[in-house]
Amino acid sequence: WFGYHVGQTLFHVAQVVLGYMVMLAVMSYNAWIFLGAIAGSTLGYFVVYPLLGRG
């Protein structure tokens, strides 16, 4: 149980850090970086969603 909880905590920290990094990149007001973030989010959702067992 403890190992699973530590793993989930580290995964959450990674998500938060990456989210803030993407936010800072988008806030640079560079249209290409913004479009890259949108395209990456779209592609990531398209690839990962079927692996979640809900698709």
C-alpha atoms as a PDB file:
ATOM      1  CA  TRP A   1       0.000   0.000   0.000  1.00  0.00           C
ATOM      2  CA  PHE A   2       2.725   2.472   0.947  1.00  0.00           C
ATOM      3  CA  GLY A   3       4.678   1.879  -2.271  1.00  0.00           C
ATOM      4  CA  TYR A   4       1.549   2.386  -4.353  1.00  0.00           C
ATOM      5  CA  HIS A   5       0.782   5.617  -2.496  1.00  0.00           C
ATOM      6  CA  VAL A   6       4.330   6.913  -3.041  1.00  0.00           C
ATOM      7  CA  GLY A   7       4.067   6.064  -6.732  1.00  0.00           C
ATOM      8  CA  GLN A   8       0.755   7.894  -7.054  1.00  0.00           C
ATOM      9  CA  THR A   9       2.204  10.889  -5.211  1.00  0.00           C
ATOM     10  CA  LEU A  10       5.225  11.076  -7.519  1.00  0.00           C
ATOM     11  CA  PHE A  11       2.963  10.755 -10.561  1.00  0.00           C
ATOM     12  CA  HIS A  12       0.829  13.624  -9.258  1.00  0.00           C
ATOM     13  CA  VAL A  13       3.913  15.789  -8.700  1.00  0.00           C
ATOM     14  CA  ALA A  14       5.078  15.063 -12.268  1.00  0.00           C
ATOM     15  CA  GLN A  15       1.649  16.049 -13.615  1.00  0.00           C
ATOM     16  CA  VAL A  16       1.624  19.312 -11.675  1.00  0.00           C
ATOM     17  CA  VAL A  17       5.173  20.214 -12.733  1.00  0.00           C
ATOM     18  CA  LEU A  18       4.463  19.477 -16.401  1.00  0.00           C
ATOM     19  CA  GLY A  19       1.197  21.396 -16.213  1.00  0.00           C
ATOM     20  CA  TYR A  20       2.945  24.486 -14.849  1.00  0.00           C
ATOM     21  CA  MET A  21       5.683  24.182 -17.490  1.00  0.00           C
ATOM     22  CA  VAL A  22       3.086  24.072 -20.274  1.00  0.00           C
ATOM     23  CA  MET A  23       1.259  27.026 -18.697  1.00  0.00           C
ATOM     24  CA  LEU A  24       4.463  29.066 -18.630  1.00  0.00           C
ATOM     25  CA  ALA A  25       5.213  28.137 -22.245  1.00  0.00           C
ATOM     26  CA  VAL A  26       1.722  29.178 -23.371  1.00  0.00           C
ATOM     27  CA  MET A  27       1.999  32.416 -21.407  1.00  0.00           C
ATOM     28  CA  SER A  28       4.970  33.379 -23.576  1.00  0.00           C
ATOM     29  CA  TYR A  29       2.253  34.470 -26.053  1.00  0.00           C
ATOM     30  CA  ASN A  30       3.981  32.632 -28.893  1.00  0.00           C
ATOM     31  CA  ALA A  31       1.295  31.306 -31.223  1.00  0.00           C
ATOM     32  CA  TRP A  32       3.407  28.339 -32.364  1.00  0.00           C
ATOM     33  CA  ILE A  33       4.080  27.219 -28.794  1.00  0.00           C
ATOM     34  CA  PHE A  34       0.358  27.560 -28.035  1.00  0.00           C
ATOM     35  CA  LEU A  35      -0.565  25.485 -31.083  1.00  0.00           C
ATOM     36  CA  GLY A  36       2.082  22.913 -30.149  1.00  0.00           C
ATOM     37  CA  ALA A  37       0.594  22.581 -26.664  1.00  0.00           C
ATOM     38  CA  ILE A  38      -2.894  22.112 -28.117  1.00  0.00           C
ATOM     39  CA  ALA A  39      -1.661  19.593 -30.704  1.00  0.00           C
ATOM     40  CA  GLY A  40       0.299  17.669 -28.053  1.00  0.00           C
ATOM     41  CA  SER A  41      -2.685  17.537 -25.738  1.00  0.00           C
ATOM     42  CA  THR A  42      -4.923  16.346 -28.560  1.00  0.00           C
ATOM     43  CA  LEU A  43      -2.480  13.680 -29.723  1.00  0.00           C
ATOM     44  CA  GLY A  44      -1.843  12.512 -26.171  1.00  0.00           C
ATOM     45  CA  TYR A  45      -5.561  12.148 -25.488  1.00  0.00           C
ATOM     46  CA  PHE A  46      -6.081  10.320 -28.794  1.00  0.00           C
ATOM     47  CA  VAL A  47      -3.288   7.829 -28.058  1.00  0.00           C
ATOM     48  CA  VAL A  48      -3.850   7.234 -24.333  1.00  0.00           C
ATOM     49  CA  TYR A  49      -7.652   7.179 -24.051  1.00  0.00           C
ATOM     50  CA  PRO A  50      -8.080   3.671 -25.529  1.00  0.00           C
ATOM     51  CA  LEU A  51      -5.467   2.367 -23.066  1.00  0.00           C
ATOM     52  CA  LEU A  52      -7.552   3.496 -20.088  1.00  0.00           C
ATOM     53  CA  GLY A  53     -10.106   0.743 -20.669  1.00  0.00           C
ATOM     54  CA  ARG A  54     -12.987   3.187 -21.160  1.00  0.00           C
ATOM     55  CA  GLY A  55     -12.743   3.533 -24.932  1.00  0.00           C
END
